[in-house]
Amino acid sequence: MELEQMRQLEAVARMGTVSAAADELHISQPALSRSIQRLEAELGCALFDRAGRRVVLNEAGRSALEWARQLLRDERLMREEVAAVARRARALHVASVAPAPVWRLTGLLVERFPQETLTSELVSEETVLRGVADGTFDFGIVLGQLHRPGLMACELMRENLSVTLPPNHPLAARGEATFADLAGESFLIMSEIGFWRAVVDREIPRATYIEQRDRVVFDQLARSTPHCTFITDAPFQRDEAPGRAVVPLADASAHAVFYLVVRSGAAGVPASLFAWAQEHAGGA
């Protein structure tokens, strides 16, 4: 079970419908429904009684919600304490919707301010923006252009998704593929891939996902697995698919542009690093 599922459970219970909760969480309704279904499968029981479009917590759901709220309260307290410790240690804190742009920002930090330290976490886009606005995070990394009072943004990097396939796969010789071509396939996939997981859940709803949390184990399995895997052109992943066919995905949703976000009144190192990122926008 993941904290994001706890937030989703709380939102569905509070809003009364999956569609309203999906709107509040800024994800698609099918993706939210699948996430709730995965949570129910993990717990081994239904959490809601469904009446038309509305959903009502059953007894098991009310118990799960109580624990979920406690976990979310604990997470909030943990974030506040970690943020306070990071500030005391003069560490910069960045929240991102995906891992790759954090490594890009870390590279820029090492170039410009090698004496500084960066801590990071993967959260939803709304959490990123709220945290930057209230000072919890020094930086945020989001998708797409930003127009929000009190915040400013610049392009940080671009990332493009490809699928890797066994050499004998029917799509292996293709110059490019689409998500539709991958319907019904099985994928070995890392759990912590940020927003990309929501993308593939949405675009390949009939796929089977075999999740792996350990990066070292995943890299070992990915070399010989008969299943498909995903890879991006982020610098740290280049040339890391030996013996596999790497086929770029042509869909618009397989191409991401990440933006670095800071408060408009930022000063000191955050302001200087933001200016440095603007000078090196989109670089590798």
C-alpha atoms as a PDB file:
ATOM      1  CA  MET A   1       0.000   0.000   0.000  1.00  0.00           C
ATOM      2  CA  GLU A   2       1.247   3.469  -0.864  1.00  0.00           C
ATOM      3  CA  LEU A   3       0.541   6.834   0.720  1.00  0.00           C
ATOM      4  CA  GLU A   4      -0.862   8.067  -2.580  1.00  0.00           C
ATOM      5  CA  GLN A   5      -3.520   5.341  -2.295  1.00  0.00           C
ATOM      6  CA  MET A   6      -4.295   6.585   1.225  1.00  0.00           C
ATOM      7  CA  ARG A   7      -4.843  10.102  -0.171  1.00  0.00           C
ATOM      8  CA  GLN A   8      -7.049   8.671  -2.890  1.00  0.00           C
ATOM      9  CA  LEU A   9      -9.124   6.645  -0.407  1.00  0.00           C
ATOM     10  CA  GLU A  10      -9.641   9.730   1.752  1.00  0.00           C
ATOM     11  CA  ALA A  11     -10.599  11.865  -1.260  1.00  0.00           C
ATOM     12  CA  VAL A  12     -13.133   9.336  -2.597  1.00  0.00           C
ATOM     13  CA  ALA A  13     -14.682   8.937   0.863  1.00  0.00           C
ATOM     14  CA  ARG A  14     -14.904  12.696   1.330  1.00  0.00           C
ATOM     15  CA  MET A  15     -16.124  13.596  -2.182  1.00  0.00           C
ATOM     16  CA  GLY A  16     -18.620  10.722  -2.520  1.00  0.00           C
ATOM     17  CA  THR A  17     -17.839   9.935  -6.164  1.00  0.00           C
ATOM     18  CA  VAL A  18     -14.748   8.701  -7.971  1.00  0.00           C
ATOM     19  CA  SER A  19     -15.109  11.383 -10.654  1.00  0.00           C
ATOM     20  CA  ALA A  20     -15.184  14.237  -8.115  1.00  0.00           C
ATOM     21  CA  ALA A  21     -12.191  12.789  -6.265  1.00  0.00           C
ATOM     22  CA  ALA A  22     -10.306  12.362  -9.547  1.00  0.00           C
ATOM     23  CA  ASP A  23     -10.922  16.018 -10.405  1.00  0.00           C
ATOM     24  CA  GLU A  24      -9.608  17.126  -7.010  1.00  0.00           C
ATOM     25  CA  LEU A  25      -6.528  14.888  -7.303  1.00  0.00           C
ATOM     26  CA  HIS A  26      -5.878  15.945 -10.933  1.00  0.00           C
ATOM     27  CA  ILE A  27      -5.824  12.382 -12.273  1.00  0.00           C
ATOM     28  CA  SER A  28      -8.136  10.541 -14.655  1.00  0.00           C
ATOM     29  CA  GLN A  29     -11.189   8.734 -13.317  1.00  0.00           C
ATOM     30  CA  PRO A  30     -10.119   5.346 -14.793  1.00  0.00           C
ATOM     31  CA  ALA A  31      -6.654   5.663 -13.204  1.00  0.00           C
ATOM     32  CA  LEU A  32      -8.200   6.445  -9.809  1.00  0.00           C
ATOM     33  CA  SER A  33     -10.657   3.542 -10.123  1.00  0.00           C
ATOM     34  CA  ARG A  34      -7.797   1.151 -10.924  1.00  0.00           C
ATOM     35  CA  SER A  35      -5.789   2.411  -7.971  1.00  0.00           C
ATOM     36  CA  ILE A  36      -8.710   1.898  -5.570  1.00  0.00           C
ATOM     37  CA  GLN A  37      -9.261  -1.572  -7.028  1.00  0.00           C
ATOM     38  CA  ARG A  38      -5.585  -2.409  -6.427  1.00  0.00           C
ATOM     39  CA  LEU A  39      -5.926  -1.228  -2.818  1.00  0.00           C
ATOM     40  CA  GLU A  40      -9.019  -3.379  -2.303  1.00  0.00           C
ATOM     41  CA  ALA A  41      -7.184  -6.359  -3.837  1.00  0.00           C
ATOM     42  CA  GLU A  42      -4.223  -5.821  -1.500  1.00  0.00           C
ATOM     43  CA  LEU A  43      -6.522  -5.625   1.526  1.00  0.00           C
ATOM     44  CA  GLY A  44      -8.610  -8.581   0.336  1.00  0.00           C
ATOM     45  CA  CYS A  45     -12.004  -6.908   0.637  1.00  0.00           C
ATOM     46  CA  ALA A  46     -14.232  -4.235  -0.860  1.00  0.00           C
ATOM     47  CA  LEU A  47     -14.081  -0.849   0.867  1.00  0.00           C
ATOM     48  CA  PHE A  48     -17.112   0.823  -0.719  1.00  0.00           C
ATOM     49  CA  ASP A  49     -20.736   0.057  -1.379  1.00  0.00           C
ATOM     50  CA  ARG A  50     -21.585   1.431  -4.798  1.00  0.00           C
ATOM     51  CA  ALA A  51     -24.981   2.949  -5.606  1.00  0.00           C
ATOM     52  CA  GLY A  52     -24.961   4.365  -9.114  1.00  0.00           C
ATOM     53  CA  ARG A  53     -22.171   6.925  -9.426  1.00  0.00           C
ATOM     54  CA  ARG A  54     -21.917   7.458  -5.669  1.00  0.00           C
ATOM     55  CA  VAL A  55     -19.775   5.343  -3.377  1.00  0.00           C
ATOM     56  CA  VAL A  56     -20.197   4.927   0.379  1.00  0.00           C
ATOM     57  CA  LEU A  57     -17.674   3.400   2.749  1.00  0.00           C
ATOM     58  CA  ASN A  58     -18.673   0.043   4.172  1.00  0.00           C
ATOM     59  CA  GLU A  59     -17.507  -1.132   7.616  1.00  0.00           C
ATOM     60  CA  ALA A  60     -14.120  -2.289   6.287  1.00  0.00           C
ATOM     61  CA  GLY A  61     -13.767   0.964   4.392  1.00  0.00           C
ATOM     62  CA  ARG A  62     -14.444   3.063   7.487  1.00  0.00           C
ATOM     63  CA  SER A  63     -11.749   1.149   9.356  1.00  0.00           C
ATOM     64  CA  ALA A  64      -9.309   1.596   6.444  1.00  0.00           C
ATOM     65  CA  LEU A  65     -10.109   5.311   6.273  1.00  0.00           C
ATOM     66  CA  GLU A  66      -9.337   5.775   9.976  1.00  0.00           C
ATOM     67  CA  TRP A  67      -5.909   4.187   9.497  1.00  0.00           C
ATOM     68  CA  ALA A  68      -5.361   6.108   6.257  1.00  0.00           C
ATOM     69  CA  ARG A  69      -6.013   9.434   7.963  1.00  0.00           C
ATOM     70  CA  GLN A  70      -3.601   8.520  10.750  1.00  0.00           C
ATOM     71  CA  LEU A  71      -0.937   7.596   8.187  1.00  0.00           C
ATOM     72  CA  LEU A  72      -1.495  10.866   6.333  1.00  0.00           C
ATOM     73  CA  ARG A  73      -1.245  12.830   9.578  1.00  0.00           C
ATOM     74  CA  ASP A  74       1.988  11.000  10.389  1.00  0.00           C
ATOM     75  CA  GLU A  75       3.295  11.716   6.896  1.00  0.00           C
ATOM     76  CA  ARG A  76       2.503  15.429   7.264  1.00  0.00           C
ATOM     77  CA  LEU A  77       4.284  15.563  10.621  1.00  0.00           C
ATOM     78  CA  MET A  78       7.224  13.677   9.136  1.00  0.00           C
ATOM     79  CA  ARG A  79       7.443  16.106   6.196  1.00  0.00           C
ATOM     80  CA  GLU A  80       7.384  19.078   8.551  1.00  0.00           C
ATOM     81  CA  GLU A  81      10.121  17.595  10.709  1.00  0.00           C
ATOM     82  CA  VAL A  82      12.257  16.581   7.722  1.00  0.00           C
ATOM     83  CA  ALA A  83      11.819  20.027   6.193  1.00  0.00           C
ATOM     84  CA  ALA A  84      12.884  21.639   9.463  1.00  0.00           C
ATOM     85  CA  VAL A  85      15.949  19.398   9.726  1.00  0.00           C
ATOM     86  CA  ALA A  86      16.848  20.086   6.099  1.00  0.00           C
ATOM     87  CA  ARG A  87      16.618  23.817   6.692  1.00  0.00           C
ATOM     88  CA  ARG A  88      18.806  23.518   9.771  1.00  0.00           C
ATOM     89  CA  ALA A  89      21.332  21.510   7.769  1.00  0.00           C
ATOM     90  CA  ARG A  90      21.243  24.112   4.963  1.00  0.00           C
ATOM     91  CA  ALA A  91      20.035  21.430   2.550  1.00  0.00           C
ATOM     92  CA  LEU A  92      17.879  22.467  -0.392  1.00  0.00           C
ATOM     93  CA  HIS A  93      14.618  20.539  -0.670  1.00  0.00           C
ATOM     94  CA  VAL A  94      13.055  19.718  -4.041  1.00  0.00           C
ATOM     95  CA  ALA A  95       9.742  17.979  -4.739  1.00  0.00           C
ATOM     96  CA  SER A  96       9.191  16.493  -8.182  1.00  0.00           C
ATOM     97  CA  VAL A  97       6.594  14.595 -10.182  1.00  0.00           C
ATOM     98  CA  ALA A  98       9.307  12.344 -11.686  1.00  0.00           C
ATOM     99  CA  PRO A  99      12.822  11.157 -10.797  1.00  0.00           C
ATOM    100  CA  ALA A 100      14.809  12.078 -13.931  1.00  0.00           C
ATOM    101  CA  PRO A 101      14.557  15.884 -13.620  1.00  0.00           C
ATOM    102  CA  VAL A 102      15.770  15.647 -10.007  1.00  0.00           C
ATOM    103  CA  TRP A 103      19.029  14.149 -11.291  1.00  0.00           C
ATOM    104  CA  ARG A 104      19.210  16.927 -13.875  1.00  0.00           C
ATOM    105  CA  LEU A 105      18.775  19.548 -11.137  1.00  0.00           C
ATOM    106  CA  THR A 106      21.368  17.764  -8.983  1.00  0.00           C
ATOM    107  CA  GLY A 107      23.847  17.981 -11.847  1.00  0.00           C
ATOM    108  CA  LEU A 108      23.253  21.719 -12.163  1.00  0.00           C
ATOM    109  CA  LEU A 109      23.650  22.136  -8.402  1.00  0.00           C
ATOM    110  CA  VAL A 110      26.990  20.293  -8.403  1.00  0.00           C
ATOM    111  CA  GLU A 111      28.218  22.478 -11.286  1.00  0.00           C
ATOM    112  CA  ARG A 112      27.216  25.766  -9.701  1.00  0.00           C
ATOM    113  CA  PHE A 113      27.164  25.126  -5.925  1.00  0.00           C
ATOM    114  CA  PRO A 114      29.219  21.967  -5.193  1.00  0.00           C
ATOM    115  CA  GLN A 115      29.164  22.716  -1.458  1.00  0.00           C
ATOM    116  CA  GLU A 116      25.355  22.541  -1.243  1.00  0.00           C
ATOM    117  CA  THR A 117      23.193  19.479  -0.505  1.00  0.00           C
ATOM    118  CA  LEU A 118      19.891  18.560  -2.150  1.00  0.00           C
ATOM    119  CA  THR A 119      17.141  16.379  -0.689  1.00  0.00           C
ATOM    120  CA  SER A 120      14.229  15.244  -2.843  1.00  0.00           C
ATOM    121  CA  GLU A 121      10.927  13.389  -2.892  1.00  0.00           C
ATOM    122  CA  LEU A 122       8.356  12.324  -5.488  1.00  0.00           C
ATOM    123  CA  VAL A 123       4.869  13.743  -4.923  1.00  0.00           C
ATOM    124  CA  SER A 124       1.834  14.826  -6.928  1.00  0.00           C
ATOM    125  CA  GLU A 125       1.938  18.037  -8.937  1.00  0.00           C
ATOM    126  CA  GLU A 126      -0.517  19.790  -6.631  1.00  0.00           C
ATOM    127  CA  THR A 127       1.635  18.876  -3.617  1.00  0.00           C
ATOM    128  CA  VAL A 128       4.687  20.270  -5.431  1.00  0.00           C
ATOM    129  CA  LEU A 129       3.036  23.615  -6.137  1.00  0.00           C
ATOM    130  CA  ARG A 130       1.480  23.929  -2.691  1.00  0.00           C
ATOM    131  CA  GLY A 131       4.786  23.074  -1.011  1.00  0.00           C
ATOM    132  CA  VAL A 132       6.801  25.578  -3.040  1.00  0.00           C
ATOM    133  CA  ALA A 133       4.219  28.292  -2.387  1.00  0.00           C
ATOM    134  CA  ASP A 134       4.196  27.751   1.393  1.00  0.00           C
ATOM    135  CA  GLY A 135       7.966  27.333   1.708  1.00  0.00           C
ATOM    136  CA  THR A 136       8.045  23.605   2.480  1.00  0.00           C
ATOM    137  CA  PHE A 137      10.107  23.054  -0.676  1.00  0.00           C
ATOM    138  CA  ASP A 138      12.837  25.284  -2.079  1.00  0.00           C
ATOM    139  CA  PHE A 139      12.156  23.968  -5.583  1.00  0.00           C
ATOM    140  CA  GLY A 140       9.446  22.090  -7.400  1.00  0.00           C
ATOM    141  CA  ILE A 141       9.504  20.202 -10.684  1.00  0.00           C
ATOM    142  CA  VAL A 142       6.271  19.926 -12.651  1.00  0.00           C
ATOM    143  CA  LEU A 143       5.035  19.173 -16.153  1.00  0.00           C
ATOM    144  CA  GLY A 144       4.064  21.886 -18.594  1.00  0.00           C
ATOM    145  CA  GLN A 145       3.920  25.654 -18.478  1.00  0.00           C
ATOM    146  CA  LEU A 146       2.997  27.263 -15.174  1.00  0.00           C
ATOM    147  CA  HIS A 147       0.785  30.295 -14.630  1.00  0.00           C
ATOM    148  CA  ARG A 148       0.276  30.685 -10.892  1.00  0.00           C
ATOM    149  CA  PRO A 149       0.637  33.885  -8.843  1.00  0.00           C
ATOM    150  CA  GLY A 150       3.656  33.953  -6.566  1.00  0.00           C
ATOM    151  CA  LEU A 151       5.582  31.293  -8.492  1.00  0.00           C
ATOM    152  CA  MET A 152       7.924  31.424 -11.472  1.00  0.00           C
ATOM    153  CA  ALA A 153       9.127  28.598 -13.692  1.00  0.00           C
ATOM    154  CA  CYS A 154      11.655  27.774 -16.389  1.00  0.00           C
ATOM    155  CA  GLU A 155      12.188  24.736 -18.576  1.00  0.00           C
ATOM    156  CA  LEU A 156      14.509  22.235 -16.913  1.00  0.00           C
ATOM    157  CA  MET A 157      14.654  19.223 -19.251  1.00  0.00           C
ATOM    158  CA  ARG A 158      12.761  17.043 -21.691  1.00  0.00           C
ATOM    159  CA  GLU A 159      12.270  13.301 -21.433  1.00  0.00           C
ATOM    160  CA  ASN A 160      10.941  10.854 -24.028  1.00  0.00           C
ATOM    161  CA  LEU A 161       9.580   7.389 -23.310  1.00  0.00           C
ATOM    162  CA  SER A 162      10.516   4.252 -25.259  1.00  0.00           C
ATOM    163  CA  VAL A 163       9.655   0.592 -24.880  1.00  0.00           C
ATOM    164  CA  THR A 164      12.343  -2.106 -24.767  1.00  0.00           C
ATOM    165  CA  LEU A 165      11.546  -5.482 -26.284  1.00  0.00           C
ATOM    166  CA  PRO A 166      13.133  -8.908 -26.725  1.00  0.00           C
ATOM    167  CA  PRO A 167      14.795  -9.084 -30.178  1.00  0.00           C
ATOM    168  CA  ASN A 168      12.190 -11.593 -31.430  1.00  0.00           C
ATOM    169  CA  HIS A 169       9.190  -9.432 -30.479  1.00  0.00           C
ATOM    170  CA  PRO A 170       6.951  -8.508 -33.462  1.00  0.00           C
ATOM    171  CA  LEU A 171       7.493  -4.783 -32.775  1.00  0.00           C
ATOM    172  CA  ALA A 172      11.268  -5.016 -32.283  1.00  0.00           C
ATOM    173  CA  ALA A 173      12.116  -3.988 -35.846  1.00  0.00           C
ATOM    174  CA  ARG A 174       9.789  -0.985 -35.857  1.00  0.00           C
ATOM    175  CA  GLY A 175      11.224   2.521 -36.004  1.00  0.00           C
ATOM    176  CA  GLU A 176       8.566   3.641 -33.524  1.00  0.00           C
ATOM    177  CA  ALA A 177       5.438   2.329 -31.824  1.00  0.00           C
ATOM    178  CA  THR A 178       2.338   3.670 -30.126  1.00  0.00           C
ATOM    179  CA  PHE A 179       0.702   2.854 -26.813  1.00  0.00           C
ATOM    180  CA  ALA A 180      -2.121   1.212 -28.774  1.00  0.00           C
ATOM    181  CA  ASP A 181       0.397  -1.228 -30.282  1.00  0.00           C
ATOM    182  CA  LEU A 182       1.221  -2.420 -26.748  1.00  0.00           C
ATOM    183  CA  ALA A 183      -2.317  -3.296 -25.648  1.00  0.00           C
ATOM    184  CA  GLY A 184      -2.392  -6.641 -23.870  1.00  0.00           C
ATOM    185  CA  GLU A 185       1.379  -6.812 -23.332  1.00  0.00           C
ATOM    186  CA  SER A 186       3.069  -7.644 -20.017  1.00  0.00           C
ATOM    187  CA  PHE A 187       5.585  -5.173 -18.584  1.00  0.00           C
ATOM    188  CA  LEU A 188       8.320  -5.415 -15.994  1.00  0.00           C
ATOM    189  CA  ILE A 189       8.124  -1.970 -14.411  1.00  0.00           C
ATOM    190  CA  MET A 190       9.737  -0.008 -11.594  1.00  0.00           C
ATOM    191  CA  SER A 191       7.308   1.135  -8.896  1.00  0.00           C
ATOM    192  CA  GLU A 192       8.841   4.572  -8.273  1.00  0.00           C
ATOM    193  CA  ILE A 193       8.632   6.243 -11.696  1.00  0.00           C
ATOM    194  CA  GLY A 194       6.534   9.250 -10.744  1.00  0.00           C
ATOM    195  CA  PHE A 195       3.985  10.537 -13.220  1.00  0.00           C
ATOM    196  CA  TRP A 196       5.014   8.056 -15.936  1.00  0.00           C
ATOM    197  CA  ARG A 197       3.078   5.318 -14.108  1.00  0.00           C
ATOM    198  CA  ALA A 198      -0.149   7.291 -14.435  1.00  0.00           C
ATOM    199  CA  VAL A 199       0.618   7.794 -18.134  1.00  0.00           C
ATOM    200  CA  VAL A 200       1.054   4.089 -18.917  1.00  0.00           C
ATOM    201  CA  ASP A 201      -1.925   3.111 -16.741  1.00  0.00           C
ATOM    202  CA  ARG A 202      -4.059   5.535 -18.716  1.00  0.00           C
ATOM    203  CA  GLU A 203      -2.686   4.800 -22.182  1.00  0.00           C
ATOM    204  CA  ILE A 204      -2.384   0.984 -21.928  1.00  0.00           C
ATOM    205  CA  PRO A 205      -5.335   0.003 -19.715  1.00  0.00           C
ATOM    206  CA  ARG A 206      -5.263  -3.661 -20.765  1.00  0.00           C
ATOM    207  CA  ALA A 207      -1.592  -4.240 -19.965  1.00  0.00           C
ATOM    208  CA  THR A 208      -0.241  -6.431 -17.169  1.00  0.00           C
ATOM    209  CA  TYR A 209       2.352  -4.798 -14.887  1.00  0.00           C
ATOM    210  CA  ILE A 210       4.898  -6.774 -12.876  1.00  0.00           C
ATOM    211  CA  GLU A 211       6.247  -4.275 -10.338  1.00  0.00           C
ATOM    212  CA  GLN A 212       9.781  -4.199  -8.971  1.00  0.00           C
ATOM    213  CA  ARG A 213      10.881  -1.779  -6.249  1.00  0.00           C
ATOM    214  CA  ASP A 214      14.609  -2.550  -6.151  1.00  0.00           C
ATOM    215  CA  ARG A 215      16.473  -0.724  -8.955  1.00  0.00           C
ATOM    216  CA  VAL A 216      19.449  -3.119  -8.930  1.00  0.00           C
ATOM    217  CA  VAL A 217      17.189  -6.172  -9.187  1.00  0.00           C
ATOM    218  CA  PHE A 218      15.118  -4.484 -11.883  1.00  0.00           C
ATOM    219  CA  ASP A 219      18.226  -3.719 -13.979  1.00  0.00           C
ATOM    220  CA  GLN A 220      19.347  -7.345 -13.716  1.00  0.00           C
ATOM    221  CA  LEU A 221      15.935  -8.729 -14.699  1.00  0.00           C
ATOM    222  CA  ALA A 222      15.449  -6.205 -17.508  1.00  0.00           C
ATOM    223  CA  ARG A 223      18.378  -7.648 -19.468  1.00  0.00           C
ATOM    224  CA  SER A 224      16.757 -11.063 -19.914  1.00  0.00           C
ATOM    225  CA  THR A 225      13.023 -10.694 -19.221  1.00  0.00           C
ATOM    226  CA  PRO A 226      10.640 -11.894 -21.954  1.00  0.00           C
ATOM    227  CA  HIS A 227       8.368  -9.006 -20.984  1.00  0.00           C
ATOM    228  CA  CYS A 228       8.426  -5.426 -22.211  1.00  0.00           C
ATOM    229  CA  THR A 229      10.031  -2.684 -20.152  1.00  0.00           C
ATOM    230  CA  PHE A 230      10.066   1.099 -20.378  1.00  0.00           C
ATOM    231  CA  ILE A 231      13.120   3.307 -20.725  1.00  0.00           C
ATOM    232  CA  THR A 232      13.619   7.027 -21.309  1.00  0.00           C
ATOM    233  CA  ASP A 233      16.348   9.097 -22.929  1.00  0.00           C
ATOM    234  CA  ALA A 234      17.283  10.677 -19.601  1.00  0.00           C
ATOM    235  CA  PRO A 235      21.118  10.798 -19.540  1.00  0.00           C
ATOM    236  CA  PHE A 236      21.527   8.250 -16.731  1.00  0.00           C
ATOM    237  CA  GLN A 237      19.513   5.644 -18.690  1.00  0.00           C
ATOM    238  CA  ARG A 238      21.224   5.897 -22.065  1.00  0.00           C
ATOM    239  CA  ASP A 239      22.681   2.648 -23.455  1.00  0.00           C
ATOM    240  CA  GLU A 240      21.335   0.602 -20.551  1.00  0.00           C
ATOM    241  CA  ALA A 241      19.295  -1.943 -22.537  1.00  0.00           C
ATOM    242  CA  PRO A 242      21.892  -4.467 -23.836  1.00  0.00           C
ATOM    243  CA  GLY A 243      20.394  -7.211 -25.957  1.00  0.00           C
ATOM    244  CA  ARG A 244      17.041  -5.419 -26.169  1.00  0.00           C
ATOM    245  CA  ALA A 245      15.337  -3.542 -28.986  1.00  0.00           C
ATOM    246  CA  VAL A 246      14.595   0.051 -27.943  1.00  0.00           C
ATOM    247  CA  VAL A 247      11.550   1.403 -29.797  1.00  0.00           C
ATOM    248  CA  PRO A 248      10.538   5.064 -29.266  1.00  0.00           C
ATOM    249  CA  LEU A 249       6.877   5.777 -28.532  1.00  0.00           C
ATOM    250  CA  ALA A 250       5.269   8.272 -30.911  1.00  0.00           C
ATOM    251  CA  ASP A 251       2.293   9.339 -28.757  1.00  0.00           C
ATOM    252  CA  ALA A 252       2.284  12.940 -27.493  1.00  0.00           C
ATOM    253  CA  SER A 253       1.870  11.689 -23.916  1.00  0.00           C
ATOM    254  CA  ALA A 254       5.190   9.811 -24.224  1.00  0.00           C
ATOM    255  CA  HIS A 255       7.054  13.134 -24.402  1.00  0.00           C
ATOM    256  CA  ALA A 256       7.441  15.240 -21.264  1.00  0.00           C
ATOM    257  CA  VAL A 257       8.734  18.757 -20.671  1.00  0.00           C
ATOM    258  CA  PHE A 258       9.658  19.430 -17.046  1.00  0.00           C
ATOM    259  CA  TYR A 259       9.734  22.884 -15.468  1.00  0.00           C
ATOM    260  CA  LEU A 260      11.654  24.037 -12.417  1.00  0.00           C
ATOM    261  CA  VAL A 261       9.499  26.113 -10.041  1.00  0.00           C
ATOM    262  CA  VAL A 262      10.524  28.533  -7.282  1.00  0.00           C
ATOM    263  CA  ARG A 263       8.773  31.261  -5.311  1.00  0.00           C
ATOM    264  CA  SER A 264       8.813  34.644  -7.020  1.00  0.00           C
ATOM    265  CA  GLY A 265      10.592  36.179  -4.008  1.00  0.00           C
ATOM    266  CA  ALA A 266      13.276  33.489  -3.794  1.00  0.00           C
ATOM    267  CA  ALA A 267      16.734  34.731  -2.827  1.00  0.00           C
ATOM    268  CA  GLY A 268      20.196  33.332  -2.153  1.00  0.00           C
ATOM    269  CA  VAL A 269      21.106  29.909  -3.510  1.00  0.00           C
ATOM    270  CA  PRO A 270      17.558  29.020  -4.723  1.00  0.00           C
ATOM    271  CA  ALA A 271      17.403  32.201  -6.798  1.00  0.00           C
ATOM    272  CA  SER A 272      20.914  31.700  -8.174  1.00  0.00           C
ATOM    273  CA  LEU A 273      20.341  28.036  -9.019  1.00  0.00           C
ATOM    274  CA  PHE A 274      17.084  28.928 -10.747  1.00  0.00           C
ATOM    275  CA  ALA A 275      18.939  31.499 -12.868  1.00  0.00           C
ATOM    276  CA  TRP A 276      21.619  28.880 -13.636  1.00  0.00           C
ATOM    277  CA  ALA A 277      18.916  26.432 -14.733  1.00  0.00           C
ATOM    278  CA  GLN A 278      17.414  29.089 -17.021  1.00  0.00           C
ATOM    279  CA  GLU A 279      20.801  29.494 -18.711  1.00  0.00           C
ATOM    280  CA  HIS A 280      21.079  25.745 -19.261  1.00  0.00           C
ATOM    281  CA  ALA A 281      17.430  24.982 -20.108  1.00  0.00           C
ATOM    282  CA  GLY A 282      16.888  21.607 -21.727  1.00  0.00           C
ATOM    283  CA  GLY A 283      20.544  20.570 -21.510  1.00  0.00           C
ATOM    284  CA  ALA A 284      21.773  17.075 -20.688  1.00  0.00           C
END
